[in-house]
Amino acid sequence: MTRIALPLLIFLALPAAAQEAESDPRSLMQRGAEMFLEGLRGEMAPALDDLAGLAEQFGPAMRGFIEEMGPAMADILEQVQDWSVYHPPEMLPNGDIIIRRKVTPDAQQDPVPEGQIDL
């Protein structure tokens, strides 16, 4: 009796599963991608919340910095053509910030004209 009942139950269950798949117009790939993105969203939520907190904390300070230094930074960006020939900025003990030019063979051949500052 159980030998007949088990195949019969499997046979009856197959059409129901097939009907469910047919009633859902999305493909298996679409559903899988949606599940993946939903899981990714759930994993990223805490990091995004932390990022929003940092933006709230540093936003006003950054806005003030950009308002104060924006024009000077734009001027420097216009004058410097290749940032790869400079070392990263350094802060001196007195608070001055300097950007040193790297010593390369090209830099020795192209000296800065007298009376100008090499940016």
PDB file of N, CA and C in Angstrom:
ATOM      1  N   MET A   1       0.815  -1.191   0.000  1.00  0.00           N
ATOM      2  CA  MET A   1       0.000   0.000   0.000  1.00  0.00           C
ATOM      3  C   MET A   1       0.868   1.269   0.000  1.00  0.00           C
ATOM      4  N   THR A   2       1.924   1.313   0.858  1.00  0.00           N
ATOM      5  CA  THR A   2       2.799   2.473   0.885  1.00  0.00           C
ATOM      6  C   THR A   2       3.574   2.612  -0.420  1.00  0.00           C
ATOM      7  N   ARG A   3       3.792   1.484  -1.099  1.00  0.00           N
ATOM      8  CA  ARG A   3       4.494   1.576  -2.376  1.00  0.00           C
ATOM      9  C   ARG A   3       3.642   2.319  -3.403  1.00  0.00           C
ATOM     10  N   ILE A   4       2.378   2.213  -3.322  1.00  0.00           N
ATOM     11  CA  ILE A   4       1.491   2.887  -4.258  1.00  0.00           C
ATOM     12  C   ILE A   4       1.218   4.322  -3.787  1.00  0.00           C
ATOM     13  N   ALA A   5       1.119   4.541  -2.500  1.00  0.00           N
ATOM     14  CA  ALA A   5       0.756   5.846  -1.952  1.00  0.00           C
ATOM     15  C   ALA A   5       1.869   6.878  -2.182  1.00  0.00           C
ATOM     16  N   LEU A   6       3.092   6.499  -1.996  1.00  0.00           N
ATOM     17  CA  LEU A   6       4.203   7.446  -2.153  1.00  0.00           C
ATOM     18  C   LEU A   6       4.311   7.963  -3.585  1.00  0.00           C
ATOM     19  N   PRO A   7       4.362   7.102  -4.604  1.00  0.00           N
ATOM     20  CA  PRO A   7       4.412   7.631  -5.975  1.00  0.00           C
ATOM     21  C   PRO A   7       3.165   8.448  -6.320  1.00  0.00           C
ATOM     22  N   LEU A   8       2.005   8.044  -5.782  1.00  0.00           N
ATOM     23  CA  LEU A   8       0.777   8.775  -6.056  1.00  0.00           C
ATOM     24  C   LEU A   8       0.841  10.185  -5.464  1.00  0.00           C
ATOM     25  N   LEU A   9       1.379  10.321  -4.245  1.00  0.00           N
ATOM     26  CA  LEU A   9       1.512  11.635  -3.618  1.00  0.00           C
ATOM     27  C   LEU A   9       2.487  12.520  -4.402  1.00  0.00           C
ATOM     28  N   ILE A  10       3.581  11.935  -4.852  1.00  0.00           N
ATOM     29  CA  ILE A  10       4.558  12.700  -5.638  1.00  0.00           C
ATOM     30  C   ILE A  10       3.931  13.150  -6.946  1.00  0.00           C
ATOM     31  N   PHE A  11       3.178  12.242  -7.596  1.00  0.00           N
ATOM     32  CA  PHE A  11       2.541  12.549  -8.866  1.00  0.00           C
ATOM     33  C   PHE A  11       1.512  13.671  -8.709  1.00  0.00           C
ATOM     34  N   LEU A  12       0.776  13.649  -7.624  1.00  0.00           N
ATOM     35  CA  LEU A  12      -0.238  14.679  -7.393  1.00  0.00           C
ATOM     36  C   LEU A  12       0.385  16.030  -7.029  1.00  0.00           C
ATOM     37  N   ALA A  13       1.532  16.012  -6.400  1.00  0.00           N
ATOM     38  CA  ALA A  13       2.184  17.252  -5.983  1.00  0.00           C
ATOM     39  C   ALA A  13       2.862  17.963  -7.153  1.00  0.00           C
ATOM     40  N   LEU A  14       3.309  17.247  -8.144  1.00  0.00           N
ATOM     41  CA  LEU A  14       4.010  17.844  -9.277  1.00  0.00           C
ATOM     42  C   LEU A  14       3.167  18.861 -10.049  1.00  0.00           C
ATOM     43  N   PRO A  15       1.923  18.563 -10.394  1.00  0.00           N
ATOM     44  CA  PRO A  15       1.148  19.564 -11.115  1.00  0.00           C
ATOM     45  C   PRO A  15       0.938  20.849 -10.303  1.00  0.00           C
ATOM     46  N   ALA A  16       0.785  20.746  -8.999  1.00  0.00           N
ATOM     47  CA  ALA A  16       0.593  21.935  -8.169  1.00  0.00           C
ATOM     48  C   ALA A  16       1.843  22.817  -8.206  1.00  0.00           C
ATOM     49  N   ALA A  17       3.025  22.225  -8.139  1.00  0.00           N
ATOM     50  CA  ALA A  17       4.263  22.988  -8.201  1.00  0.00           C
ATOM     51  C   ALA A  17       4.428  23.618  -9.573  1.00  0.00           C
ATOM     52  N   ALA A  18       4.066  22.904 -10.621  1.00  0.00           N
ATOM     53  CA  ALA A  18       4.170  23.438 -11.976  1.00  0.00           C
ATOM     54  C   ALA A  18       3.214  24.610 -12.163  1.00  0.00           C
ATOM     55  N   GLN A  19       2.006  24.525 -11.594  1.00  0.00           N
ATOM     56  CA  GLN A  19       1.046  25.611 -11.711  1.00  0.00           C
ATOM     57  C   GLN A  19       1.549  26.863 -10.995  1.00  0.00           C
ATOM     58  N   GLU A  20       2.198  26.689  -9.825  1.00  0.00           N
ATOM     59  CA  GLU A  20       2.747  27.839  -9.105  1.00  0.00           C
ATOM     60  C   GLU A  20       3.815  28.531  -9.943  1.00  0.00           C
ATOM     61  N   ALA A  21       4.695  27.766 -10.574  1.00  0.00           N
ATOM     62  CA  ALA A  21       5.759  28.338 -11.390  1.00  0.00           C
ATOM     63  C   ALA A  21       5.177  29.074 -12.593  1.00  0.00           C
ATOM     64  N   GLU A  22       4.093  28.536 -13.188  1.00  0.00           N
ATOM     65  CA  GLU A  22       3.475  29.173 -14.336  1.00  0.00           C
ATOM     66  C   GLU A  22       2.750  30.453 -13.942  1.00  0.00           C
ATOM     67  N   SER A  23       2.197  30.523 -12.723  1.00  0.00           N
ATOM     68  CA  SER A  23       1.455  31.710 -12.309  1.00  0.00           C
ATOM     69  C   SER A  23       2.389  32.876 -11.986  1.00  0.00           C
ATOM     70  N   ASP A  24       3.663  32.602 -11.711  1.00  0.00           N
ATOM     71  CA  ASP A  24       4.629  33.660 -11.427  1.00  0.00           C
ATOM     72  C   ASP A  24       5.337  34.018 -12.736  1.00  0.00           C
ATOM     73  N   PRO A  25       5.077  35.236 -13.282  1.00  0.00           N
ATOM     74  CA  PRO A  25       5.654  35.585 -14.585  1.00  0.00           C
ATOM     75  C   PRO A  25       7.163  35.838 -14.546  1.00  0.00           C
ATOM     76  N   ARG A  26       7.724  36.054 -13.362  1.00  0.00           N
ATOM     77  CA  ARG A  26       9.159  36.311 -13.277  1.00  0.00           C
ATOM     78  C   ARG A  26       9.935  35.020 -13.504  1.00  0.00           C
ATOM     79  N   SER A  27      11.084  35.167 -14.128  1.00  0.00           N
ATOM     80  CA  SER A  27      11.906  33.990 -14.371  1.00  0.00           C
ATOM     81  C   SER A  27      12.641  33.606 -13.093  1.00  0.00           C
ATOM     82  N   LEU A  28      13.182  32.437 -13.090  1.00  0.00           N
ATOM     83  CA  LEU A  28      13.949  31.960 -11.943  1.00  0.00           C
ATOM     84  C   LEU A  28      15.152  32.867 -11.696  1.00  0.00           C
ATOM     85  N   MET A  29      15.777  33.351 -12.772  1.00  0.00           N
ATOM     86  CA  MET A  29      16.923  34.262 -12.635  1.00  0.00           C
ATOM     87  C   MET A  29      16.500  35.577 -11.990  1.00  0.00           C
ATOM     88  N   GLN A  30      15.339  36.104 -12.376  1.00  0.00           N
ATOM     89  CA  GLN A  30      14.853  37.351 -11.789  1.00  0.00           C
ATOM     90  C   GLN A  30      14.582  37.187 -10.302  1.00  0.00           C
ATOM     91  N   ARG A  31      13.925  36.094  -9.955  1.00  0.00           N
ATOM     92  CA  ARG A  31      13.628  35.861  -8.533  1.00  0.00           C
ATOM     93  C   ARG A  31      14.912  35.665  -7.737  1.00  0.00           C
ATOM     94  N   GLY A  32      15.878  34.950  -8.318  1.00  0.00           N
ATOM     95  CA  GLY A  32      17.155  34.758  -7.638  1.00  0.00           C
ATOM     96  C   GLY A  32      17.889  36.073  -7.441  1.00  0.00           C
ATOM     97  N   ALA A  33      17.892  36.921  -8.477  1.00  0.00           N
ATOM     98  CA  ALA A  33      18.549  38.220  -8.375  1.00  0.00           C
ATOM     99  C   ALA A  33      17.865  39.091  -7.321  1.00  0.00           C
ATOM    100  N   GLU A  34      16.539  39.056  -7.278  1.00  0.00           N
ATOM    101  CA  GLU A  34      15.817  39.838  -6.272  1.00  0.00           C
ATOM    102  C   GLU A  34      16.148  39.361  -4.861  1.00  0.00           C
ATOM    103  N   MET A  35      16.213  38.052  -4.685  1.00  0.00           N
ATOM    104  CA  MET A  35      16.551  37.509  -3.365  1.00  0.00           C
ATOM    105  C   MET A  35      17.974  37.909  -2.980  1.00  0.00           C
ATOM    106  N   PHE A  36      18.890  37.861  -3.934  1.00  0.00           N
ATOM    107  CA  PHE A  36      20.282  38.238  -3.673  1.00  0.00           C
ATOM    108  C   PHE A  36      20.364  39.706  -3.260  1.00  0.00           C
ATOM    109  N   LEU A  37      19.697  40.589  -4.031  1.00  0.00           N
ATOM    110  CA  LEU A  37      19.746  42.016  -3.728  1.00  0.00           C
ATOM    111  C   LEU A  37      19.082  42.327  -2.387  1.00  0.00           C
ATOM    112  N   GLU A  38      18.005  41.631  -2.081  1.00  0.00           N
ATOM    113  CA  GLU A  38      17.359  41.840  -0.784  1.00  0.00           C
ATOM    114  C   GLU A  38      18.294  41.430   0.363  1.00  0.00           C
ATOM    115  N   GLY A  39      18.981  40.329   0.200  1.00  0.00           N
ATOM    116  CA  GLY A  39      19.945  39.899   1.216  1.00  0.00           C
ATOM    117  C   GLY A  39      21.095  40.883   1.347  1.00  0.00           C
ATOM    118  N   LEU A  40      21.576  41.380   0.211  1.00  0.00           N
ATOM    119  CA  LEU A  40      22.658  42.360   0.216  1.00  0.00           C
ATOM    120  C   LEU A  40      22.211  43.643   0.903  1.00  0.00           C
ATOM    121  N   ARG A  41      20.985  44.069   0.621  1.00  0.00           N
ATOM    122  CA  ARG A  41      20.440  45.262   1.267  1.00  0.00           C
ATOM    123  C   ARG A  41      20.388  45.079   2.779  1.00  0.00           C
ATOM    124  N   GLY A  42      19.970  43.903   3.203  1.00  0.00           N
ATOM    125  CA  GLY A  42      19.905  43.620   4.643  1.00  0.00           C
ATOM    126  C   GLY A  42      21.279  43.640   5.296  1.00  0.00           C
ATOM    127  N   GLU A  43      22.290  43.136   4.587  1.00  0.00           N
ATOM    128  CA  GLU A  43      23.653  43.118   5.121  1.00  0.00           C
ATOM    129  C   GLU A  43      24.262  44.517   5.165  1.00  0.00           C
ATOM    130  N   MET A  44      23.920  45.357   4.190  1.00  0.00           N
ATOM    131  CA  MET A  44      24.513  46.684   4.083  1.00  0.00           C
ATOM    132  C   MET A  44      23.821  47.727   4.957  1.00  0.00           C
ATOM    133  N   ALA A  45      22.627  47.439   5.444  1.00  0.00           N
ATOM    134  CA  ALA A  45      21.852  48.431   6.199  1.00  0.00           C
ATOM    135  C   ALA A  45      22.630  49.018   7.378  1.00  0.00           C
ATOM    136  N   PRO A  46      23.297  48.206   8.221  1.00  0.00           N
ATOM    137  CA  PRO A  46      24.034  48.807   9.343  1.00  0.00           C
ATOM    138  C   PRO A  46      25.169  49.730   8.885  1.00  0.00           C
ATOM    139  N   ALA A  47      25.875  49.348   7.837  1.00  0.00           N
ATOM    140  CA  ALA A  47      26.972  50.186   7.341  1.00  0.00           C
ATOM    141  C   ALA A  47      26.432  51.496   6.782  1.00  0.00           C
ATOM    142  N   LEU A  48      25.308  51.443   6.087  1.00  0.00           N
ATOM    143  CA  LEU A  48      24.713  52.665   5.548  1.00  0.00           C
ATOM    144  C   LEU A  48      24.203  53.570   6.661  1.00  0.00           C
ATOM    145  N   ASP A  49      23.681  52.979   7.729  1.00  0.00           N
ATOM    146  CA  ASP A  49      23.243  53.778   8.883  1.00  0.00           C
ATOM    147  C   ASP A  49      24.437  54.486   9.514  1.00  0.00           C
ATOM    148  N   ASP A  50      25.570  53.774   9.648  1.00  0.00           N
ATOM    149  CA  ASP A  50      26.783  54.390  10.199  1.00  0.00           C
ATOM    150  C   ASP A  50      27.268  55.532   9.309  1.00  0.00           C
ATOM    151  N   LEU A  51      27.198  55.324   7.991  1.00  0.00           N
ATOM    152  CA  LEU A  51      27.622  56.357   7.056  1.00  0.00           C
ATOM    153  C   LEU A  51      26.731  57.592   7.167  1.00  0.00           C
ATOM    154  N   ALA A  52      25.442  57.381   7.341  1.00  0.00           N
ATOM    155  CA  ALA A  52      24.526  58.515   7.503  1.00  0.00           C
ATOM    156  C   ALA A  52      24.856  59.271   8.790  1.00  0.00           C
ATOM    157  N   GLY A  53      25.219  58.538   9.845  1.00  0.00           N
ATOM    158  CA  GLY A  53      25.605  59.188  11.095  1.00  0.00           C
ATOM    159  C   GLY A  53      26.867  60.022  10.930  1.00  0.00           C
ATOM    160  N   LEU A  54      27.828  59.510  10.184  1.00  0.00           N
ATOM    161  CA  LEU A  54      29.056  60.274   9.931  1.00  0.00           C
ATOM    162  C   LEU A  54      28.764  61.527   9.118  1.00  0.00           C
ATOM    163  N   ALA A  55      27.878  61.408   8.152  1.00  0.00           N
ATOM    164  CA  ALA A  55      27.530  62.571   7.338  1.00  0.00           C
ATOM    165  C   ALA A  55      26.882  63.648   8.203  1.00  0.00           C
ATOM    166  N   GLU A  56      26.029  63.247   9.131  1.00  0.00           N
ATOM    167  CA  GLU A  56      25.405  64.216  10.030  1.00  0.00           C
ATOM    168  C   GLU A  56      26.443  64.862  10.942  1.00  0.00           C
ATOM    169  N   GLN A  57      27.409  64.076  11.381  1.00  0.00           N
ATOM    170  CA  GLN A  57      28.428  64.574  12.314  1.00  0.00           C
ATOM    171  C   GLN A  57      29.411  65.524  11.619  1.00  0.00           C
ATOM    172  N   PHE A  58      29.910  65.147  10.434  1.00  0.00           N
ATOM    173  CA  PHE A  58      30.950  65.925   9.777  1.00  0.00           C
ATOM    174  C   PHE A  58      30.421  66.863   8.695  1.00  0.00           C
ATOM    175  N   GLY A  59      29.162  66.757   8.350  1.00  0.00           N
ATOM    176  CA  GLY A  59      28.594  67.574   7.282  1.00  0.00           C
ATOM    177  C   GLY A  59      28.806  69.065   7.460  1.00  0.00           C
ATOM    178  N   PRO A  60      28.423  69.633   8.608  1.00  0.00           N
ATOM    179  CA  PRO A  60      28.603  71.081   8.774  1.00  0.00           C
ATOM    180  C   PRO A  60      30.074  71.514   8.698  1.00  0.00           C
ATOM    181  N   ALA A  61      30.971  70.730   9.272  1.00  0.00           N
ATOM    182  CA  ALA A  61      32.389  71.089   9.222  1.00  0.00           C
ATOM    183  C   ALA A  61      32.912  71.041   7.792  1.00  0.00           C
ATOM    184  N   MET A  62      32.510  70.013   7.034  1.00  0.00           N
ATOM    185  CA  MET A  62      32.957  69.903   5.640  1.00  0.00           C
ATOM    186  C   MET A  62      32.379  71.036   4.802  1.00  0.00           C
ATOM    187  N   ARG A  63      31.135  71.398   5.051  1.00  0.00           N
ATOM    188  CA  ARG A  63      30.511  72.480   4.302  1.00  0.00           C
ATOM    189  C   ARG A  63      31.285  73.784   4.537  1.00  0.00           C
ATOM    190  N   GLY A  64      31.643  74.046   5.800  1.00  0.00           N
ATOM    191  CA  GLY A  64      32.416  75.245   6.115  1.00  0.00           C
ATOM    192  C   GLY A  64      33.782  75.225   5.464  1.00  0.00           C
ATOM    193  N   PHE A  65      34.440  74.066   5.471  1.00  0.00           N
ATOM    194  CA  PHE A  65      35.755  73.940   4.840  1.00  0.00           C
ATOM    195  C   PHE A  65      35.668  74.236   3.347  1.00  0.00           C
ATOM    196  N   ILE A  66      34.660  73.697   2.697  1.00  0.00           N
ATOM    197  CA  ILE A  66      34.518  73.894   1.253  1.00  0.00           C
ATOM    198  C   ILE A  66      34.214  75.350   0.935  1.00  0.00           C
ATOM    199  N   GLU A  67      33.391  75.982   1.766  1.00  0.00           N
ATOM    200  CA  GLU A  67      33.085  77.396   1.531  1.00  0.00           C
ATOM    201  C   GLU A  67      34.333  78.260   1.689  1.00  0.00           C
ATOM    202  N   GLU A  68      35.159  77.939   2.685  1.00  0.00           N
ATOM    203  CA  GLU A  68      36.366  78.742   2.948  1.00  0.00           C
ATOM    204  C   GLU A  68      37.484  78.447   1.947  1.00  0.00           C
ATOM    205  N   MET A  69      37.723  77.174   1.680  1.00  0.00           N
ATOM    206  CA  MET A  69      38.888  76.777   0.892  1.00  0.00           C
ATOM    207  C   MET A  69      38.572  76.514  -0.576  1.00  0.00           C
ATOM    208  N   GLY A  70      37.310  76.471  -0.940  1.00  0.00           N
ATOM    209  CA  GLY A  70      36.926  76.148  -2.315  1.00  0.00           C
ATOM    210  C   GLY A  70      37.623  76.989  -3.369  1.00  0.00           C
ATOM    211  N   PRO A  71      37.587  78.318  -3.257  1.00  0.00           N
ATOM    212  CA  PRO A  71      38.249  79.131  -4.288  1.00  0.00           C
ATOM    213  C   PRO A  71      39.758  78.882  -4.377  1.00  0.00           C
ATOM    214  N   ALA A  72      40.418  78.737  -3.231  1.00  0.00           N
ATOM    215  CA  ALA A  72      41.868  78.491  -3.255  1.00  0.00           C
ATOM    216  C   ALA A  72      42.165  77.124  -3.871  1.00  0.00           C
ATOM    217  N   MET A  73      41.356  76.118  -3.553  1.00  0.00           N
ATOM    218  CA  MET A  73      41.566  74.783  -4.125  1.00  0.00           C
ATOM    219  C   MET A  73      41.348  74.815  -5.641  1.00  0.00           C
ATOM    220  N   ALA A  74      40.352  75.556  -6.085  1.00  0.00           N
ATOM    221  CA  ALA A  74      40.099  75.660  -7.528  1.00  0.00           C
ATOM    222  C   ALA A  74      41.292  76.297  -8.225  1.00  0.00           C
ATOM    223  N   ASP A  75      41.890  77.299  -7.595  1.00  0.00           N
ATOM    224  CA  ASP A  75      43.062  77.965  -8.171  1.00  0.00           C
ATOM    225  C   ASP A  75      44.240  76.998  -8.291  1.00  0.00           C
ATOM    226  N   ILE A  76      44.453  76.195  -7.248  1.00  0.00           N
ATOM    227  CA  ILE A  76      45.548  75.211  -7.280  1.00  0.00           C
ATOM    228  C   ILE A  76      45.285  74.164  -8.360  1.00  0.00           C
ATOM    229  N   LEU A  77      44.052  73.705  -8.466  1.00  0.00           N
ATOM    230  CA  LEU A  77      43.730  72.693  -9.467  1.00  0.00           C
ATOM    231  C   LEU A  77      43.940  73.205 -10.893  1.00  0.00           C
ATOM    232  N   GLU A  78      43.731  74.512 -11.106  1.00  0.00           N
ATOM    233  CA  GLU A  78      43.979  75.081 -12.431  1.00  0.00           C
ATOM    234  C   GLU A  78      45.472  75.123 -12.745  1.00  0.00           C
ATOM    235  N   GLN A  79      46.306  75.360 -11.734  1.00  0.00           N
ATOM    236  CA  GLN A  79      47.737  75.531 -11.956  1.00  0.00           C
ATOM    237  C   GLN A  79      48.492  74.209 -12.050  1.00  0.00           C
ATOM    238  N   VAL A  80      48.062  73.200 -11.323  1.00  0.00           N
ATOM    239  CA  VAL A  80      48.772  71.915 -11.317  1.00  0.00           C
ATOM    240  C   VAL A  80      48.208  71.044 -12.427  1.00  0.00           C
ATOM    241  N   GLN A  81      49.088  70.617 -13.315  1.00  0.00           N
ATOM    242  CA  GLN A  81      48.648  69.817 -14.452  1.00  0.00           C
ATOM    243  C   GLN A  81      48.789  68.321 -14.199  1.00  0.00           C
ATOM    244  N   ASP A  82      49.785  67.939 -13.402  1.00  0.00           N
ATOM    245  CA  ASP A  82      50.045  66.516 -13.191  1.00  0.00           C
ATOM    246  C   ASP A  82      50.360  66.279 -11.720  1.00  0.00           C
ATOM    247  N   TRP A  83      49.400  65.743 -10.980  1.00  0.00           N
ATOM    248  CA  TRP A  83      49.575  65.531  -9.538  1.00  0.00           C
ATOM    249  C   TRP A  83      50.546  64.389  -9.239  1.00  0.00           C
ATOM    250  N   SER A  84      50.855  63.564 -10.227  1.00  0.00           N
ATOM    251  CA  SER A  84      51.745  62.426  -9.970  1.00  0.00           C
ATOM    252  C   SER A  84      53.188  62.860  -9.740  1.00  0.00           C
ATOM    253  N   VAL A  85      53.540  64.107 -10.071  1.00  0.00           N
ATOM    254  CA  VAL A  85      54.911  64.561  -9.866  1.00  0.00           C
ATOM    255  C   VAL A  85      55.092  65.207  -8.487  1.00  0.00           C
ATOM    256  N   TYR A  86      54.084  65.120  -7.630  1.00  0.00           N
ATOM    257  CA  TYR A  86      54.153  65.705  -6.283  1.00  0.00           C
ATOM    258  C   TYR A  86      53.995  64.635  -5.220  1.00  0.00           C
ATOM    259  N   HIS A  87      54.655  64.858  -4.089  1.00  0.00           N
ATOM    260  CA  HIS A  87      54.478  63.993  -2.922  1.00  0.00           C
ATOM    261  C   HIS A  87      53.153  64.356  -2.251  1.00  0.00           C
ATOM    262  N   PRO A  88      52.627  63.494  -1.395  1.00  0.00           N
ATOM    263  CA  PRO A  88      51.416  63.851  -0.652  1.00  0.00           C
ATOM    264  C   PRO A  88      51.675  65.079   0.230  1.00  0.00           C
ATOM    265  N   PRO A  89      50.644  65.854   0.533  1.00  0.00           N
ATOM    266  CA  PRO A  89      50.830  67.040   1.380  1.00  0.00           C
ATOM    267  C   PRO A  89      51.378  66.667   2.757  1.00  0.00           C
ATOM    268  N   GLU A  90      52.193  67.568   3.316  1.00  0.00           N
ATOM    269  CA  GLU A  90      52.752  67.382   4.660  1.00  0.00           C
ATOM    270  C   GLU A  90      52.341  68.579   5.518  1.00  0.00           C
ATOM    271  N   MET A  91      52.072  68.327   6.796  1.00  0.00           N
ATOM    272  CA  MET A  91      51.798  69.431   7.704  1.00  0.00           C
ATOM    273  C   MET A  91      53.023  69.638   8.584  1.00  0.00           C
ATOM    274  N   LEU A  92      53.546  70.841   8.565  1.00  0.00           N
ATOM    275  CA  LEU A  92      54.711  71.185   9.374  1.00  0.00           C
ATOM    276  C   LEU A  92      54.276  71.458  10.815  1.00  0.00           C
ATOM    277  N   PRO A  93      55.213  71.407  11.764  1.00  0.00           N
ATOM    278  CA  PRO A  93      54.862  71.649  13.173  1.00  0.00           C
ATOM    279  C   PRO A  93      54.172  73.002  13.416  1.00  0.00           C
ATOM    280  N   ASN A  94      54.476  73.994  12.577  1.00  0.00           N
ATOM    281  CA  ASN A  94      53.842  75.305  12.774  1.00  0.00           C
ATOM    282  C   ASN A  94      52.452  75.391  12.131  1.00  0.00           C
ATOM    283  N   GLY A  95      51.978  74.286  11.514  1.00  0.00           N
ATOM    284  CA  GLY A  95      50.647  74.267  10.923  1.00  0.00           C
ATOM    285  C   GLY A  95      50.624  74.499   9.429  1.00  0.00           C
ATOM    286  N   ASP A  96      51.759  74.901   8.851  1.00  0.00           N
ATOM    287  CA  ASP A  96      51.804  75.096   7.408  1.00  0.00           C
ATOM    288  C   ASP A  96      51.671  73.752   6.698  1.00  0.00           C
ATOM    289  N   ILE A  97      51.032  73.765   5.560  1.00  0.00           N
ATOM    290  CA  ILE A  97      50.893  72.562   4.745  1.00  0.00           C
ATOM    291  C   ILE A  97      51.691  72.781   3.474  1.00  0.00           C
ATOM    292  N   ILE A  98      52.577  71.843   3.181  1.00  0.00           N
ATOM    293  CA  ILE A  98      53.397  71.959   1.972  1.00  0.00           C
ATOM    294  C   ILE A  98      53.200  70.729   1.089  1.00  0.00           C
ATOM    295  N   ILE A  99      53.362  70.956  -0.195  1.00  0.00           N
ATOM    296  CA  ILE A  99      53.311  69.866  -1.171  1.00  0.00           C
ATOM    297  C   ILE A  99      54.618  69.913  -1.936  1.00  0.00           C
ATOM    298  N   ARG A 100      55.463  68.918  -1.690  1.00  0.00           N
ATOM    299  CA  ARG A 100      56.788  68.899  -2.316  1.00  0.00           C
ATOM    300  C   ARG A 100      56.717  68.242  -3.694  1.00  0.00           C
ATOM    301  N   ARG A 101      57.476  68.801  -4.613  1.00  0.00           N
ATOM    302  CA  ARG A 101      57.596  68.218  -5.949  1.00  0.00           C
ATOM    303  C   ARG A 101      58.606  67.077  -5.878  1.00  0.00           C
ATOM    304  N   LYS A 102      58.295  65.954  -6.527  1.00  0.00           N
ATOM    305  CA  LYS A 102      59.225  64.826  -6.583  1.00  0.00           C
ATOM    306  C   LYS A 102      60.406  65.193  -7.465  1.00  0.00           C
ATOM    307  N   VAL A 103      61.572  64.705  -7.093  1.00  0.00           N
ATOM    308  CA  VAL A 103      62.763  64.952  -7.895  1.00  0.00           C
ATOM    309  C   VAL A 103      62.816  63.874  -8.974  1.00  0.00           C
ATOM    310  N   THR A 104      62.657  64.311 -10.203  1.00  0.00           N
ATOM    311  CA  THR A 104      62.714  63.404 -11.349  1.00  0.00           C
ATOM    312  C   THR A 104      63.668  64.004 -12.373  1.00  0.00           C
ATOM    313  N   PRO A 105      64.139  63.227 -13.306  1.00  0.00           N
ATOM    314  CA  PRO A 105      65.016  63.788 -14.347  1.00  0.00           C
ATOM    315  C   PRO A 105      64.320  64.910 -15.119  1.00  0.00           C
ATOM    316  N   ASP A 106      63.017  64.802 -15.348  1.00  0.00           N
ATOM    317  CA  ASP A 106      62.287  65.847 -16.063  1.00  0.00           C
ATOM    318  C   ASP A 106      62.249  67.125 -15.248  1.00  0.00           C
ATOM    319  N   ALA A 107      62.110  67.010 -13.930  1.00  0.00           N
ATOM    320  CA  ALA A 107      62.027  68.191 -13.066  1.00  0.00           C
ATOM    321  C   ALA A 107      63.343  68.959 -13.091  1.00  0.00           C
ATOM    322  N   GLN A 108      64.480  68.256 -13.246  1.00  0.00           N
ATOM    323  CA  GLN A 108      65.767  68.935 -13.289  1.00  0.00           C
ATOM    324  C   GLN A 108      65.951  69.673 -14.616  1.00  0.00           C
ATOM    325  N   GLN A 109      65.352  69.165 -15.675  1.00  0.00           N
ATOM    326  CA  GLN A 109      65.483  69.810 -16.977  1.00  0.00           C
ATOM    327  C   GLN A 109      64.531  70.988 -17.122  1.00  0.00           C
ATOM    328  N   ASP A 110      63.437  70.988 -16.367  1.00  0.00           N
ATOM    329  CA  ASP A 110      62.430  72.034 -16.480  1.00  0.00           C
ATOM    330  C   ASP A 110      62.369  72.825 -15.181  1.00  0.00           C
ATOM    331  N   PRO A 111      63.355  73.719 -14.938  1.00  0.00           N
ATOM    332  CA  PRO A 111      63.357  74.458 -13.676  1.00  0.00           C
ATOM    333  C   PRO A 111      62.225  75.473 -13.636  1.00  0.00           C
ATOM    334  N   VAL A 112      61.861  75.851 -12.434  1.00  0.00           N
ATOM    335  CA  VAL A 112      60.831  76.860 -12.233  1.00  0.00           C
ATOM    336  C   VAL A 112      61.443  78.218 -12.543  1.00  0.00           C
ATOM    337  N   PRO A 113      60.755  79.033 -13.369  1.00  0.00           N
ATOM    338  CA  PRO A 113      61.297  80.360 -13.679  1.00  0.00           C
ATOM    339  C   PRO A 113      61.468  81.190 -12.401  1.00  0.00           C
ATOM    340  N   GLU A 114      62.509  82.013 -12.411  1.00  0.00           N
ATOM    341  CA  GLU A 114      62.825  82.822 -11.236  1.00  0.00           C
ATOM    342  C   GLU A 114      61.678  83.763 -10.912  1.00  0.00           C
ATOM    343  N   GLY A 115      61.361  83.875  -9.631  1.00  0.00           N
ATOM    344  CA  GLY A 115      60.288  84.740  -9.190  1.00  0.00           C
ATOM    345  C   GLY A 115      58.933  84.070  -9.141  1.00  0.00           C
ATOM    346  N   GLN A 116      58.849  82.792  -9.558  1.00  0.00           N
ATOM    347  CA  GLN A 116      57.581  82.059  -9.501  1.00  0.00           C
ATOM    348  C   GLN A 116      57.690  80.940  -8.477  1.00  0.00           C
ATOM    349  N   ILE A 117      56.571  80.537  -7.984  1.00  0.00           N
ATOM    350  CA  ILE A 117      56.509  79.419  -7.035  1.00  0.00           C
ATOM    351  C   ILE A 117      56.077  78.194  -7.796  1.00  0.00           C
ATOM    352  N   ASP A 118      56.778  77.091  -7.574  1.00  0.00           N
ATOM    353  CA  ASP A 118      56.439  75.827  -8.209  1.00  0.00           C
ATOM    354  C   ASP A 118      55.301  75.189  -7.437  1.00  0.00           C
ATOM    355  N   LEU A 119      54.137  75.126  -8.071  1.00  0.00           N
ATOM    356  CA  LEU A 119      52.978  74.499  -7.408  1.00  0.00           C
ATOM    357  C   LEU A 119      52.911  73.095  -7.850  1.00  0.00           C
TER     358      LEU A 119
END
